[in-house]
Amino acid sequence: MFNRPAHFSLDTKPEAIGIGVRIPLGNAPLVFSTRHRDPIFFAIAVWGTYSSALGMATQTKNITRLLTIMARLRGPGGCPWDREQTHQSIRHNLIEECYEAIDALDEKKMDAFRDELGDLLLQVVFHAQMASEEGTFDFDAVAKSISDKLVHRHPHVFGKAKARNSAEVLQQWEAIKKSEKGASSIVHLEDLPKHLPALLKADKVQRKVARVGFDWKHVNDVVAKVEEEVRELKGALASKSRKQFEEEVGDLLFAVVNLARFEDLQAEELLNRSIAKFVNRFQRIEKAVHASGRRLEDCTLKELDALWESAKHKERSRARKTRKRTTSHK
């Protein structure tokens, strides 16, 4: 893996032992040196440093291989399809690969999650290669940009700032981000991703303002706000004003997202779960109807409602049995 061996130096004195390690790592050798009274400390420290260097070398090798493959695919004699692509032609892949990675994560399929992260990384490498060909930036510039950002926005780790907890870290992050952009407000609509789903966008706005203290004190206050929006929605419905009704529906959705956010939940995830639950129940209704030799269109709403309640009851019964088994095994 290394084309030259590591170099060690030993300095012994009565008060302490000094050790130095120089590990060739490409054009930037890894240098480690320290002094300590305990020789066992050195054995652990040196081995840990050398092992880390081996891991870094492997990662560097694989990243270099990926970049080389992408350049070959886009280069003369490469893949016709890859050579034809532009930033715009593959832009949808960024979103698609993100969702596929999330699906694998939610299903706890870690091998699939690893592969999906690789597919997502490919999109970064693909765009960086095209940008490199255009002379705008390359993969190294992408990595440098995010590295610089992480260091700058974590002064409590890489500088002298203090942050006692996650809340202070997030407040500090927003303050630094605001100063970087020279913004007069922490919430700018133009800074929010245009294609971000509305529930996620609402959550993002609410979390931003909460970090500077613009938030409810108790969950009951948030529930009261949801109830207030429901009353206003009913009033808009009674007024028969379409415009007012649309506005109140939006306000109600925003308030419900805020309730989820206050309880540290993601409304997007909760809604997806409810959608999956609805689909599963409806599929059970379809199976029951088809098993009776009928079609859904042949059933009355009352019959479908009865099948729905039956499916819901069976679902809850299974959930109770599962919880009971789980409790008995503890």
Protein backbone atom coordinates (compact mmCIF):
# COMPACT_ATOMS: atom_id res chain seq x y z
CA MET A 1 0.00 0.00 0.00
CA PHE A 2 2.88 2.36 0.84
CA ASN A 3 5.84 2.40 -1.50
CA ARG A 4 8.22 3.27 1.36
CA PRO A 5 8.29 2.00 4.94
CA ALA A 6 7.37 4.12 7.94
CA HIS A 7 10.26 5.74 9.81
CA PHE A 8 10.46 5.67 13.61
CA SER A 9 12.75 7.63 15.94
CA LEU A 10 13.23 7.06 19.66
CA ASP A 11 14.47 9.58 22.22
CA THR A 12 14.92 8.32 25.79
CA LYS A 13 15.45 10.55 28.78
CA PRO A 14 14.98 9.90 32.49
CA GLU A 15 11.91 12.10 32.76
CA ALA A 16 10.06 10.82 29.67
CA ILE A 17 10.23 8.88 26.44
CA GLY A 18 9.89 10.63 23.11
CA ILE A 19 8.85 8.93 19.91
CA GLY A 20 8.40 10.14 16.35
CA VAL A 21 6.74 8.48 13.41
CA ARG A 22 6.87 9.57 9.76
CA ILE A 23 4.56 7.58 7.48
CA PRO A 24 4.86 8.19 3.72
CA LEU A 25 1.37 8.97 2.45
CA GLY A 26 1.58 10.16 -1.14
CA ASN A 27 2.96 13.68 -1.33
CA ALA A 28 1.89 14.50 2.23
CA PRO A 29 3.60 12.23 4.78
CA LEU A 30 1.83 11.75 8.10
CA VAL A 31 4.05 12.87 10.99
CA PHE A 32 3.35 11.95 14.60
CA SER A 33 5.50 12.78 17.62
CA THR A 34 4.96 13.09 21.35
CA ARG A 35 6.51 12.54 24.76
CA HIS A 36 5.12 10.60 27.69
CA ARG A 37 6.35 8.67 30.73
CA ASP A 38 4.40 5.50 29.93
CA PRO A 39 5.87 3.34 27.14
CA ILE A 40 2.54 1.48 26.80
CA PHE A 41 0.95 4.81 25.89
CA PHE A 42 3.35 5.05 22.97
CA ALA A 43 2.62 1.55 21.76
CA ILE A 44 -1.10 2.37 21.60
CA ALA A 45 -0.61 5.84 20.14
CA VAL A 46 1.82 4.76 17.42
CA TRP A 47 -0.25 1.74 16.39
CA GLY A 48 -3.42 3.84 16.31
CA THR A 49 -1.72 6.46 14.15
CA TYR A 50 -0.30 3.88 11.75
CA SER A 51 -3.65 2.06 11.49
CA SER A 52 -5.40 5.35 10.76
CA ALA A 53 -2.88 6.08 8.04
CA LEU A 54 -3.51 2.68 6.46
CA GLY A 55 -7.24 3.39 6.45
CA MET A 56 -6.71 6.84 4.96
CA ALA A 57 -4.54 5.38 2.22
CA THR A 58 -7.21 2.82 1.31
CA GLN A 59 -9.91 5.51 1.22
CA THR A 60 -7.71 7.77 -0.90
CA LYS A 61 -6.98 4.90 -3.28
CA ASN A 62 -10.68 4.08 -3.75
CA ILE A 63 -11.69 7.71 -4.22
CA THR A 64 -8.91 8.19 -6.77
CA ARG A 65 -10.08 5.05 -8.57
CA LEU A 66 -13.67 6.37 -8.69
CA LEU A 67 -12.55 9.73 -10.08
CA THR A 68 -10.36 7.98 -12.67
CA ILE A 69 -13.24 5.75 -13.79
CA MET A 70 -15.55 8.76 -14.17
CA ALA A 71 -12.94 10.64 -16.21
CA ARG A 72 -12.49 7.59 -18.44
CA LEU A 73 -16.25 7.24 -18.98
CA ARG A 74 -16.46 10.90 -20.00
CA GLY A 75 -13.22 10.95 -21.99
CA PRO A 76 -12.39 10.03 -25.59
CA GLY A 77 -13.30 6.42 -26.25
CA GLY A 78 -15.48 6.37 -23.13
CA CYS A 79 -19.18 5.61 -22.74
CA PRO A 80 -21.39 7.37 -25.36
CA TRP A 81 -24.24 7.80 -22.83
CA ASP A 82 -22.01 9.29 -20.12
CA ARG A 83 -20.35 11.60 -22.64
CA GLU A 84 -23.74 12.96 -23.74
CA GLN A 85 -24.94 13.93 -20.26
CA THR A 86 -25.12 17.49 -18.90
CA HIS A 87 -25.80 18.92 -15.44
CA GLN A 88 -29.45 19.38 -16.41
CA SER A 89 -29.95 15.96 -17.99
CA ILE A 90 -29.02 14.09 -14.80
CA ARG A 91 -30.24 16.60 -12.21
CA HIS A 92 -33.23 14.40 -11.30
CA ASN A 93 -30.84 11.61 -10.31
CA LEU A 94 -29.69 13.63 -7.29
CA ILE A 95 -33.17 13.56 -5.78
CA GLU A 96 -33.89 9.98 -6.86
CA GLU A 97 -30.68 8.62 -5.33
CA CYS A 98 -31.32 10.52 -2.07
CA TYR A 99 -34.75 8.94 -1.73
CA GLU A 100 -33.42 5.46 -2.55
CA ALA A 101 -30.73 5.85 0.13
CA ILE A 102 -33.36 6.94 2.66
CA ASP A 103 -35.56 3.96 1.75
CA ALA A 104 -32.67 1.55 2.36
CA LEU A 105 -31.88 3.25 5.66
CA ASP A 106 -35.50 3.14 6.85
CA GLU A 107 -35.69 -0.55 5.94
CA LYS A 108 -32.45 -1.13 7.92
CA LYS A 109 -30.81 -2.79 4.91
CA MET A 110 -27.29 -1.60 5.56
CA ASP A 111 -25.70 -3.34 2.55
CA ALA A 112 -28.26 -1.66 0.31
CA PHE A 113 -27.73 1.62 2.18
CA ARG A 114 -24.00 1.41 1.47
CA ASP A 115 -24.69 0.82 -2.23
CA GLU A 116 -27.20 3.67 -2.40
CA LEU A 117 -24.72 6.05 -0.77
CA GLY A 118 -22.30 4.98 -3.49
CA ASP A 119 -24.91 5.83 -6.14
CA LEU A 120 -25.38 9.22 -4.49
CA LEU A 121 -21.61 9.80 -4.41
CA LEU A 122 -21.51 8.94 -8.12
CA GLN A 123 -23.80 11.90 -8.80
CA VAL A 124 -21.39 14.22 -6.98
CA VAL A 125 -18.44 12.80 -8.90
CA PHE A 126 -20.36 12.98 -12.20
CA HIS A 127 -21.24 16.67 -11.75
CA ALA A 128 -17.72 17.48 -10.54
CA GLN A 129 -16.22 15.80 -13.62
CA MET A 130 -18.45 17.80 -15.97
CA ALA A 131 -17.62 21.00 -14.09
CA SER A 132 -13.93 20.15 -14.37
CA GLU A 133 -14.29 19.79 -18.12
CA GLU A 134 -15.96 23.20 -18.21
CA GLY A 135 -13.14 24.70 -16.14
CA THR A 136 -15.41 25.82 -13.28
CA PHE A 137 -14.46 23.46 -10.42
CA ASP A 138 -13.47 19.85 -9.73
CA PHE A 139 -14.01 17.21 -7.06
CA ASP A 140 -11.09 18.48 -5.00
CA ALA A 141 -12.67 21.94 -4.91
CA VAL A 142 -15.96 20.41 -3.75
CA ALA A 143 -14.17 18.56 -0.93
CA LYS A 144 -12.17 21.66 0.01
CA SER A 145 -15.30 23.81 0.09
CA ILE A 146 -17.20 21.57 2.51
CA SER A 147 -14.07 20.99 4.64
CA ASP A 148 -13.48 24.73 4.97
CA LYS A 149 -17.16 25.25 5.83
CA LEU A 150 -17.13 22.57 8.54
CA VAL A 151 -14.02 24.01 10.17
CA HIS A 152 -15.33 27.57 10.02
CA ARG A 153 -18.75 26.65 11.43
CA HIS A 154 -17.32 24.56 14.27
CA PRO A 155 -15.14 27.09 16.13
CA HIS A 156 -15.95 25.22 19.36
CA VAL A 157 -13.98 22.28 17.93
CA PHE A 158 -11.35 23.90 15.70
CA GLY A 159 -11.13 27.28 17.45
CA LYS A 160 -11.55 28.87 20.86
CA ALA A 161 -15.34 29.30 20.93
CA LYS A 162 -17.46 27.45 23.48
CA ALA A 163 -20.67 25.49 22.93
CA ARG A 164 -22.03 23.55 25.91
CA ASN A 165 -24.83 21.71 24.11
CA SER A 166 -26.46 21.03 20.74
CA ALA A 167 -28.79 24.03 21.04
CA GLU A 168 -25.82 26.40 21.40
CA VAL A 169 -24.07 24.68 18.51
CA LEU A 170 -27.08 25.27 16.24
CA GLN A 171 -27.43 28.91 17.33
CA GLN A 172 -23.74 29.44 16.63
CA TRP A 173 -24.09 27.72 13.24
CA GLU A 174 -26.92 30.03 12.20
CA ALA A 175 -25.05 33.12 13.38
CA ILE A 176 -21.94 32.14 11.43
CA LYS A 177 -24.00 31.28 8.35
CA LYS A 178 -25.75 34.65 8.56
CA SER A 179 -22.42 36.51 8.83
CA GLU A 180 -20.99 34.55 5.88
CA LYS A 181 -23.83 35.64 3.62
CA GLY A 182 -24.06 39.15 5.05
CA ALA A 183 -27.77 38.61 5.58
CA SER A 184 -29.95 40.88 7.67
CA SER A 185 -32.36 38.02 8.46
CA ILE A 186 -31.85 34.35 9.27
CA VAL A 187 -34.86 33.45 7.10
CA HIS A 188 -34.61 34.23 3.39
CA LEU A 189 -37.04 32.54 1.04
CA GLU A 190 -34.45 32.62 -1.72
CA ASP A 191 -32.05 30.63 0.48
CA LEU A 192 -34.52 27.76 0.82
CA PRO A 193 -34.18 25.06 -1.86
CA LYS A 194 -36.88 25.69 -4.46
CA HIS A 195 -37.55 22.00 -4.97
CA LEU A 196 -37.63 21.08 -1.29
CA PRO A 197 -41.00 19.47 -0.42
CA ALA A 198 -43.28 21.98 1.29
CA LEU A 199 -43.49 20.04 4.57
CA LEU A 200 -39.69 19.94 4.80
CA LYS A 201 -39.45 23.61 3.85
CA ALA A 202 -41.94 24.58 6.58
CA ASP A 203 -40.00 22.50 9.11
CA LYS A 204 -36.73 24.14 8.08
CA VAL A 205 -38.13 27.67 8.48
CA GLN A 206 -39.63 26.82 11.88
CA ARG A 207 -36.40 25.29 13.18
CA LYS A 208 -34.42 28.32 12.04
CA VAL A 209 -36.56 30.83 13.93
CA ALA A 210 -36.81 28.53 16.98
CA ARG A 211 -33.02 28.62 17.32
CA VAL A 212 -33.16 32.35 18.03
CA GLY A 213 -35.95 32.00 20.58
CA PHE A 214 -39.04 32.51 18.42
CA ASP A 215 -40.86 29.41 19.64
CA TRP A 216 -43.68 28.18 21.85
CA LYS A 217 -43.04 27.45 25.52
CA HIS A 218 -45.21 24.35 25.83
CA VAL A 219 -46.68 21.76 23.47
CA ASN A 220 -50.19 22.70 24.66
CA ASP A 221 -49.65 26.14 23.16
CA VAL A 222 -48.88 24.56 19.79
CA VAL A 223 -51.95 22.33 20.01
CA ALA A 224 -54.04 25.42 20.82
CA LYS A 225 -52.66 27.08 17.68
CA VAL A 226 -53.69 24.06 15.59
CA GLU A 227 -57.20 24.22 17.09
CA GLU A 228 -57.33 27.96 16.34
CA GLU A 229 -56.44 27.28 12.70
CA VAL A 230 -59.17 24.62 12.49
CA ARG A 231 -61.73 27.16 13.73
CA GLU A 232 -60.53 29.72 11.19
CA LEU A 233 -60.72 27.09 8.46
CA LYS A 234 -64.35 26.35 9.39
CA GLY A 235 -65.08 30.07 9.28
CA ALA A 236 -63.52 30.35 5.82
CA LEU A 237 -65.57 27.38 4.65
CA ALA A 238 -68.74 28.98 5.94
CA SER A 239 -67.91 32.27 4.21
CA LYS A 240 -67.67 30.44 0.87
CA SER A 241 -64.55 32.45 0.06
CA ARG A 242 -62.28 30.17 -1.96
CA LYS A 243 -59.24 32.40 -1.49
CA GLN A 244 -59.69 32.57 2.29
CA PHE A 245 -60.28 28.81 2.44
CA GLU A 246 -57.03 28.11 0.55
CA GLU A 247 -55.11 30.41 2.89
CA GLU A 248 -56.53 28.78 6.02
CA VAL A 249 -55.75 25.26 4.75
CA GLY A 250 -52.15 26.37 4.28
CA ASP A 251 -52.06 27.91 7.76
CA LEU A 252 -53.42 24.70 9.26
CA LEU A 253 -50.79 22.59 7.51
CA PHE A 254 -48.08 24.97 8.71
CA ALA A 255 -49.38 24.74 12.30
CA VAL A 256 -49.47 20.92 12.19
CA VAL A 257 -45.89 20.84 10.88
CA ASN A 258 -44.94 23.12 13.77
CA LEU A 259 -46.54 20.72 16.25
CA ALA A 260 -44.49 17.84 14.86
CA ARG A 261 -41.34 20.00 14.86
CA PHE A 262 -41.91 21.08 18.47
CA GLU A 263 -41.96 17.40 19.47
CA ASP A 264 -38.74 16.91 17.45
CA LEU A 265 -40.51 14.94 14.71
CA GLN A 266 -40.44 15.36 10.95
CA ALA A 267 -43.91 15.97 9.48
CA GLU A 268 -42.69 14.60 6.14
CA GLU A 269 -41.83 11.25 7.73
CA LEU A 270 -45.06 11.13 9.72
CA LEU A 271 -47.15 11.81 6.63
CA ASN A 272 -45.30 9.12 4.68
CA ARG A 273 -46.08 6.63 7.44
CA SER A 274 -49.76 7.58 7.34
CA ILE A 275 -49.80 7.23 3.56
CA ALA A 276 -48.26 3.75 3.83
CA LYS A 277 -50.81 2.82 6.52
CA PHE A 278 -53.69 4.02 4.35
CA VAL A 279 -52.43 2.13 1.30
CA ASN A 280 -51.98 -1.09 3.30
CA ARG A 281 -55.49 -0.87 4.74
CA PHE A 282 -57.04 -0.12 1.38
CA GLN A 283 -55.21 -3.08 -0.18
CA ARG A 284 -56.75 -5.31 2.52
CA ILE A 285 -60.17 -3.97 1.54
CA GLU A 286 -59.43 -4.79 -2.12
CA LYS A 287 -58.37 -8.34 -1.23
CA ALA A 288 -61.51 -8.87 0.86
CA VAL A 289 -63.77 -7.60 -1.91
CA HIS A 290 -62.02 -9.63 -4.62
CA ALA A 291 -62.15 -12.74 -2.40
CA SER A 292 -65.95 -12.40 -2.36
CA GLY A 293 -65.98 -12.37 -6.15
CA ARG A 294 -66.99 -8.70 -6.38
CA ARG A 295 -65.43 -5.45 -7.57
CA LEU A 296 -64.87 -2.31 -5.52
CA GLU A 297 -67.27 -0.47 -7.79
CA ASP A 298 -70.03 -2.93 -6.82
CA CYS A 299 -69.78 -2.12 -3.09
CA THR A 300 -71.65 0.63 -1.29
CA LEU A 301 -69.78 3.22 0.76
CA LYS A 302 -71.28 1.67 3.89
CA GLU A 303 -69.83 -1.73 2.96
CA LEU A 304 -66.42 -0.24 2.23
CA ASP A 305 -66.48 1.66 5.54
CA ALA A 306 -67.25 -1.59 7.38
CA LEU A 307 -64.32 -3.33 5.64
CA TRP A 308 -62.10 -0.36 6.50
CA GLU A 309 -63.00 -0.55 10.18
CA SER A 310 -62.41 -4.31 10.13
CA ALA A 311 -58.95 -3.84 8.59
CA LYS A 312 -58.13 -1.15 11.16
CA HIS A 313 -59.27 -3.38 14.03
CA LYS A 314 -57.14 -6.32 12.81
CA GLU A 315 -54.16 -4.02 12.37
CA ARG A 316 -54.42 -2.68 15.92
CA SER A 317 -54.95 -6.19 17.30
CA ARG A 318 -51.73 -7.36 15.63
CA ALA A 319 -49.90 -4.31 16.99
CA ARG A 320 -51.08 -5.06 20.55
CA LYS A 321 -49.95 -8.69 20.25
CA THR A 322 -46.55 -7.56 18.96
CA ARG A 323 -46.13 -5.12 21.86
CA LYS A 324 -47.16 -7.84 24.32
CA ARG A 325 -44.59 -10.29 22.92
CA THR A 326 -41.90 -7.61 23.00
CA THR A 327 -42.70 -6.75 26.64
CA SER A 328 -42.69 -10.40 27.70
CA HIS A 329 -39.19 -10.90 26.27
CA LYS A 330 -37.69 -8.03 28.25
